[in-house]
Every structure is written in structure tokens, then in C-alpha cells.
Amino acid sequence: MAEENQVIDCNSTNAWEEQLRRGNENKRLLVVDFTAWSYGPCQLIAPILAELAKKNPEVTFLKVYVDELNTVSEKWGVDAVPTFLFLKEGKVVDKVVGAKKDELRTKVGKHAAVASPTDDSCPTSDTCPSGATAIATATSSESATATCTATATSTATSTDTA
């Protein structure tokens, strides 16, 4: 078993089901990387996933090799690798298909912020003013802060020029 803040390999159906059960019980966000050993883009995105796992201790990161656990990937509708599913209480709440590191970082930041109990007055970034979002997500992850800051800056810039 991997330590906290690391990507956990699910090498068997039992290991997968155990991680899914734990995530459901803890109501934790699970980010699942459906990957293949031999596919280059999967190998290129792996260090990004490891970095996100270290920066987001409130999220559980899992890796499922589709060649080994094809029944699991079929059950979850995965037909391309890498595919990242964001699961909350056993349900898919988001998805990234492909080795899209910026999109992966953004969505982890978004869902980690929603999952962490830092500010009950701001349940999602969609309902908070830009300043409140930046404050609420600053404790969740550095990448989320950068994303929110960039969004707030571009909003302010477009408002100033309008």
C-alpha cells in the first residue's frame, strides 16, 4: 500500500474495490488514472499525477492499468488512455481524456477545493467572488491557487478594458 500523498496502484480487482469502498466511506475525492504501461502519453503524465498527489493530501489518487484490469475499465466506460475519472461517493463528477496536464491540474484544483472543508460559505468556485475563491483554495493546493488567481486576473483585466 502506498503512503499518503502518493499515487496508489490498484493491481487487482480486490485492491480497486477496497480503494473505492474507502473513498466512499471517507467521502473523499478519488482521482483515478486509467493508464497503460506501454503508451507514451501515459508515461509522460505520470509525474504530473505524482506531483498533484503530493500537493493535494485531501484527495486519493489511484492508478488502474487497463491491460491488467480491463473489466474495471470497461465497467467505468474507459475506452482511451490516459483517462482520469474524478469520483465522489462512487459517482463520476468529472473526467479528463488524454495527457492534458493543464486541464488535469485545473480540475484537481477545482474538485479538491470543493472537497476540502476550508470555507463553508463558498461551496464551489462558481458561487464565490474571485477573492473568496482564491482564499478558500489557497490551503488546498498551490496549483489551484494559481488557477484561481489567473482567472481573477483575467476577469479584472477584461472588466478594466471593457
C-alpha atoms as a PDB file:
ATOM      1  CA  MET A   1       0.000   0.000   0.000  1.00  0.00           C
ATOM      2  CA  ALA A   2       1.300   3.467  -0.876  1.00  0.00           C
ATOM      3  CA  GLU A   3       1.792   6.164   1.707  1.00  0.00           C
ATOM      4  CA  GLU A   4      -0.443   9.235   1.860  1.00  0.00           C
ATOM      5  CA  ASN A   5       0.274  11.804  -0.866  1.00  0.00           C
ATOM      6  CA  GLN A   6       1.288   9.149  -3.381  1.00  0.00           C
ATOM      7  CA  VAL A   7      -0.487   7.551  -6.303  1.00  0.00           C
ATOM      8  CA  ILE A   8      -1.824   4.150  -5.269  1.00  0.00           C
ATOM      9  CA  ASP A   9      -1.532   1.321  -7.798  1.00  0.00           C
ATOM     10  CA  CYS A  10      -4.624  -0.864  -7.976  1.00  0.00           C
ATOM     11  CA  ASN A  11      -3.132  -4.132  -9.240  1.00  0.00           C
ATOM     12  CA  SER A  12      -6.172  -6.312  -8.650  1.00  0.00           C
ATOM     13  CA  THR A  13      -9.930  -6.047  -8.689  1.00  0.00           C
ATOM     14  CA  ASN A  14      -9.906  -6.517  -4.914  1.00  0.00           C
ATOM     15  CA  ALA A  15      -7.443  -3.626  -4.454  1.00  0.00           C
ATOM     16  CA  TRP A  16      -9.604  -1.419  -6.697  1.00  0.00           C
ATOM     17  CA  GLU A  17     -12.803  -2.288  -4.846  1.00  0.00           C
ATOM     18  CA  GLU A  18     -11.113  -1.668  -1.483  1.00  0.00           C
ATOM     19  CA  GLN A  19      -9.932   1.805  -2.546  1.00  0.00           C
ATOM     20  CA  LEU A  20     -13.355   2.619  -3.974  1.00  0.00           C
ATOM     21  CA  ARG A  21     -15.019   1.472  -0.728  1.00  0.00           C
ATOM     22  CA  ARG A  22     -12.624   3.575   1.377  1.00  0.00           C
ATOM     23  CA  GLY A  23     -13.215   6.626  -0.790  1.00  0.00           C
ATOM     24  CA  ASN A  24     -16.970   6.217  -0.454  1.00  0.00           C
ATOM     25  CA  GLU A  25     -16.790   5.770   3.332  1.00  0.00           C
ATOM     26  CA  ASN A  26     -14.491   8.768   3.778  1.00  0.00           C
ATOM     27  CA  LYS A  27     -16.415  10.818   1.190  1.00  0.00           C
ATOM     28  CA  ARG A  28     -13.033  11.648  -0.346  1.00  0.00           C
ATOM     29  CA  LEU A  29     -12.483  12.709  -3.896  1.00  0.00           C
ATOM     30  CA  LEU A  30     -10.826   9.924  -5.896  1.00  0.00           C
ATOM     31  CA  VAL A  31      -8.832  10.789  -8.999  1.00  0.00           C
ATOM     32  CA  VAL A  32      -8.366   7.600 -10.994  1.00  0.00           C
ATOM     33  CA  ASP A  33      -5.753   7.375 -13.736  1.00  0.00           C
ATOM     34  CA  PHE A  34      -6.719   4.672 -16.225  1.00  0.00           C
ATOM     35  CA  THR A  35      -3.403   4.041 -17.933  1.00  0.00           C
ATOM     36  CA  ALA A  36      -1.303   1.598 -19.966  1.00  0.00           C
ATOM     37  CA  TRP A  37       2.307   0.577 -19.365  1.00  0.00           C
ATOM     38  CA  SER A  38       3.440   0.891 -22.939  1.00  0.00           C
ATOM     39  CA  TYR A  39       1.688   4.064 -24.082  1.00  0.00           C
ATOM     40  CA  GLY A  40       3.969   7.134 -24.166  1.00  0.00           C
ATOM     41  CA  PRO A  41       1.431   9.816 -23.168  1.00  0.00           C
ATOM     42  CA  CYS A  42       0.542   7.762 -20.079  1.00  0.00           C
ATOM     43  CA  GLN A  43       4.189   7.701 -19.039  1.00  0.00           C
ATOM     44  CA  LEU A  44       4.567  11.444 -19.687  1.00  0.00           C
ATOM     45  CA  ILE A  45       1.614  12.399 -17.480  1.00  0.00           C
ATOM     46  CA  ALA A  46       2.590  10.093 -14.571  1.00  0.00           C
ATOM     47  CA  PRO A  47       4.984  12.610 -12.928  1.00  0.00           C
ATOM     48  CA  ILE A  48       2.254  15.286 -13.072  1.00  0.00           C
ATOM     49  CA  LEU A  49      -0.140  12.960 -11.253  1.00  0.00           C
ATOM     50  CA  ALA A  50       2.530  12.223  -8.620  1.00  0.00           C
ATOM     51  CA  GLU A  51       3.068  15.980  -8.135  1.00  0.00           C
ATOM     52  CA  LEU A  52      -0.681  16.536  -7.710  1.00  0.00           C
ATOM     53  CA  ALA A  53      -0.871  13.706  -5.161  1.00  0.00           C
ATOM     54  CA  LYS A  54       1.831  15.366  -3.058  1.00  0.00           C
ATOM     55  CA  LYS A  55       0.132  18.769  -3.213  1.00  0.00           C
ATOM     56  CA  ASN A  56      -3.414  17.537  -2.507  1.00  0.00           C
ATOM     57  CA  PRO A  57      -3.455  15.318   0.596  1.00  0.00           C
ATOM     58  CA  GLU A  58      -7.252  15.598   0.835  1.00  0.00           C
ATOM     59  CA  VAL A  59      -7.591  13.685  -2.452  1.00  0.00           C
ATOM     60  CA  THR A  60      -6.882   9.991  -3.078  1.00  0.00           C
ATOM     61  CA  PHE A  61      -5.063   9.313  -6.354  1.00  0.00           C
ATOM     62  CA  LEU A  62      -5.345   5.851  -7.889  1.00  0.00           C
ATOM     63  CA  LYS A  63      -3.778   4.211 -10.920  1.00  0.00           C
ATOM     64  CA  VAL A  64      -5.517   1.409 -12.826  1.00  0.00           C
ATOM     65  CA  TYR A  65      -3.670  -0.350 -15.646  1.00  0.00           C
ATOM     66  CA  VAL A  66      -6.282  -1.111 -18.291  1.00  0.00           C
ATOM     67  CA  ASP A  67      -4.367  -4.138 -19.612  1.00  0.00           C
ATOM     68  CA  GLU A  68      -4.450  -5.771 -16.171  1.00  0.00           C
ATOM     69  CA  LEU A  69      -7.918  -4.677 -15.073  1.00  0.00           C
ATOM     70  CA  ASN A  70      -9.876  -4.435 -18.310  1.00  0.00           C
ATOM     71  CA  THR A  71     -13.120  -5.407 -16.554  1.00  0.00           C
ATOM     72  CA  VAL A  72     -12.767  -2.370 -14.267  1.00  0.00           C
ATOM     73  CA  SER A  73     -12.036  -0.003 -17.163  1.00  0.00           C
ATOM     74  CA  GLU A  74     -14.934  -1.423 -19.185  1.00  0.00           C
ATOM     75  CA  LYS A  75     -17.297  -1.062 -16.240  1.00  0.00           C
ATOM     76  CA  TRP A  76     -16.356   2.632 -15.912  1.00  0.00           C
ATOM     77  CA  GLY A  77     -16.659   3.282 -19.658  1.00  0.00           C
ATOM     78  CA  VAL A  78     -12.967   3.936 -20.272  1.00  0.00           C
ATOM     79  CA  ASP A  79     -12.084   3.461 -23.941  1.00  0.00           C
ATOM     80  CA  ALA A  80      -8.957   5.632 -24.257  1.00  0.00           C
ATOM     81  CA  VAL A  81      -5.799   6.116 -22.200  1.00  0.00           C
ATOM     82  CA  PRO A  82      -4.939   8.030 -20.264  1.00  0.00           C
ATOM     83  CA  THR A  83      -8.377   8.753 -18.859  1.00  0.00           C
ATOM     84  CA  PHE A  84      -8.770  10.422 -15.484  1.00  0.00           C
ATOM     85  CA  LEU A  85     -12.063   9.946 -13.672  1.00  0.00           C
ATOM     86  CA  PHE A  86     -12.959  12.131 -10.708  1.00  0.00           C
ATOM     87  CA  LEU A  87     -15.168  10.104  -8.362  1.00  0.00           C
ATOM     88  CA  LYS A  88     -17.122  11.307  -5.374  1.00  0.00           C
ATOM     89  CA  GLU A  89     -19.156   8.800  -3.379  1.00  0.00           C
ATOM     90  CA  GLY A  90     -18.979   6.289  -6.224  1.00  0.00           C
ATOM     91  CA  LYS A  91     -20.160   8.687  -8.930  1.00  0.00           C
ATOM     92  CA  VAL A  92     -18.192  10.332 -11.746  1.00  0.00           C
ATOM     93  CA  VAL A  93     -18.130  14.097 -11.150  1.00  0.00           C
ATOM     94  CA  ASP A  94     -15.605  14.965 -13.879  1.00  0.00           C
ATOM     95  CA  LYS A  95     -13.324  13.458 -16.486  1.00  0.00           C
ATOM     96  CA  VAL A  96     -10.164  14.256 -18.446  1.00  0.00           C
ATOM     97  CA  VAL A  97      -9.337  12.176 -21.524  1.00  0.00           C
ATOM     98  CA  GLY A  98      -5.776  12.436 -22.767  1.00  0.00           C
ATOM     99  CA  ALA A  99      -2.467  13.618 -21.326  1.00  0.00           C
ATOM    100  CA  LYS A 100      -3.734  17.174 -20.801  1.00  0.00           C
ATOM    101  CA  LYS A 101      -1.638  18.319 -17.856  1.00  0.00           C
ATOM    102  CA  ASP A 102      -3.117  21.823 -17.569  1.00  0.00           C
ATOM    103  CA  GLU A 103      -6.692  20.543 -17.671  1.00  0.00           C
ATOM    104  CA  LEU A 104      -5.817  17.827 -15.140  1.00  0.00           C
ATOM    105  CA  ARG A 105      -4.247  20.363 -12.757  1.00  0.00           C
ATOM    106  CA  THR A 106      -7.209  22.729 -13.111  1.00  0.00           C
ATOM    107  CA  LYS A 107      -9.816  20.042 -12.441  1.00  0.00           C
ATOM    108  CA  VAL A 108      -7.924  18.590  -9.484  1.00  0.00           C
ATOM    109  CA  GLY A 109      -7.698  22.106  -8.027  1.00  0.00           C
ATOM    110  CA  LYS A 110     -11.389  22.731  -8.641  1.00  0.00           C
ATOM    111  CA  HIS A 111     -12.610  19.470  -7.109  1.00  0.00           C
ATOM    112  CA  ALA A 112     -10.058  19.455  -4.279  1.00  0.00           C
ATOM    113  CA  ALA A 113     -11.269  22.918  -3.268  1.00  0.00           C
ATOM    114  CA  VAL A 114     -14.873  21.737  -3.249  1.00  0.00           C
ATOM    115  CA  ALA A 115     -13.903  18.590  -1.324  1.00  0.00           C
ATOM    116  CA  SER A 116     -11.882  20.353   1.375  1.00  0.00           C
ATOM    117  CA  PRO A 117     -13.742  21.902   4.296  1.00  0.00           C
ATOM    118  CA  THR A 118     -11.817  25.197   4.241  1.00  0.00           C
ATOM    119  CA  ASP A 119     -14.736  27.604   3.851  1.00  0.00           C
ATOM    120  CA  ASP A 120     -18.363  26.508   4.180  1.00  0.00           C
ATOM    121  CA  SER A 121     -19.613  29.828   2.821  1.00  0.00           C
ATOM    122  CA  CYS A 122     -18.081  29.038  -0.591  1.00  0.00           C
ATOM    123  CA  PRO A 123     -19.236  25.556  -1.613  1.00  0.00           C
ATOM    124  CA  THR A 124     -17.964  25.936  -5.184  1.00  0.00           C
ATOM    125  CA  SER A 125     -15.824  28.353  -7.124  1.00  0.00           C
ATOM    126  CA  ASP A 126     -18.860  29.169  -9.304  1.00  0.00           C
ATOM    127  CA  THR A 127     -20.702  30.734  -6.367  1.00  0.00           C
ATOM    128  CA  CYS A 128     -17.852  32.689  -4.764  1.00  0.00           C
ATOM    129  CA  PRO A 129     -16.407  36.043  -5.662  1.00  0.00           C
ATOM    130  CA  SER A 130     -12.932  35.679  -7.137  1.00  0.00           C
ATOM    131  CA  GLY A 131     -11.164  36.865  -3.976  1.00  0.00           C
ATOM    132  CA  ALA A 132     -13.020  34.367  -1.776  1.00  0.00           C
ATOM    133  CA  THR A 133     -12.209  31.525  -4.142  1.00  0.00           C
ATOM    134  CA  ALA A 134      -8.509  32.332  -4.061  1.00  0.00           C
ATOM    135  CA  ILE A 135      -8.555  32.391  -0.256  1.00  0.00           C
ATOM    136  CA  ALA A 136     -10.598  29.183   0.054  1.00  0.00           C
ATOM    137  CA  THR A 137      -8.409  27.259  -2.351  1.00  0.00           C
ATOM    138  CA  ALA A 138      -5.050  28.582  -1.173  1.00  0.00           C
ATOM    139  CA  THR A 139      -4.960  25.965   1.574  1.00  0.00           C
ATOM    140  CA  SER A 140      -5.995  23.178  -0.796  1.00  0.00           C
ATOM    141  CA  SER A 141      -3.194  23.299  -3.347  1.00  0.00           C
ATOM    142  CA  GLU A 142      -0.705  25.626  -4.918  1.00  0.00           C
ATOM    143  CA  SER A 143      -1.881  24.727  -8.422  1.00  0.00           C
ATOM    144  CA  ALA A 144      -5.458  25.599  -7.531  1.00  0.00           C
ATOM    145  CA  THR A 145      -4.336  28.974  -6.236  1.00  0.00           C
ATOM    146  CA  ALA A 146      -2.538  29.714  -9.481  1.00  0.00           C
ATOM    147  CA  THR A 147      -5.622  28.773 -11.475  1.00  0.00           C
ATOM    148  CA  CYS A 148      -7.949  30.922  -9.396  1.00  0.00           C
ATOM    149  CA  THR A 149      -5.525  33.827  -9.399  1.00  0.00           C
ATOM    150  CA  ALA A 150      -5.208  33.657 -13.183  1.00  0.00           C
ATOM    151  CA  THR A 151      -8.995  33.587 -13.540  1.00  0.00           C
ATOM    152  CA  ALA A 152      -9.431  36.547 -11.212  1.00  0.00           C
ATOM    153  CA  THR A 153      -6.715  38.480 -13.059  1.00  0.00           C
ATOM    154  CA  SER A 154      -8.183  37.859 -16.491  1.00  0.00           C
ATOM    155  CA  THR A 155     -11.645  38.818 -15.243  1.00  0.00           C
ATOM    156  CA  ALA A 156     -10.308  42.031 -13.750  1.00  0.00           C
ATOM    157  CA  THR A 157      -8.357  42.808 -16.915  1.00  0.00           C
ATOM    158  CA  SER A 158     -11.305  42.263 -19.211  1.00  0.00           C
ATOM    159  CA  THR A 159     -13.503  44.394 -16.927  1.00  0.00           C
ATOM    160  CA  ASP A 160     -10.916  47.202 -16.940  1.00  0.00           C
ATOM    161  CA  THR A 161     -10.681  47.218 -20.748  1.00  0.00           C
ATOM    162  CA  ALA A 162     -14.398  46.940 -21.393  1.00  0.00           C
END
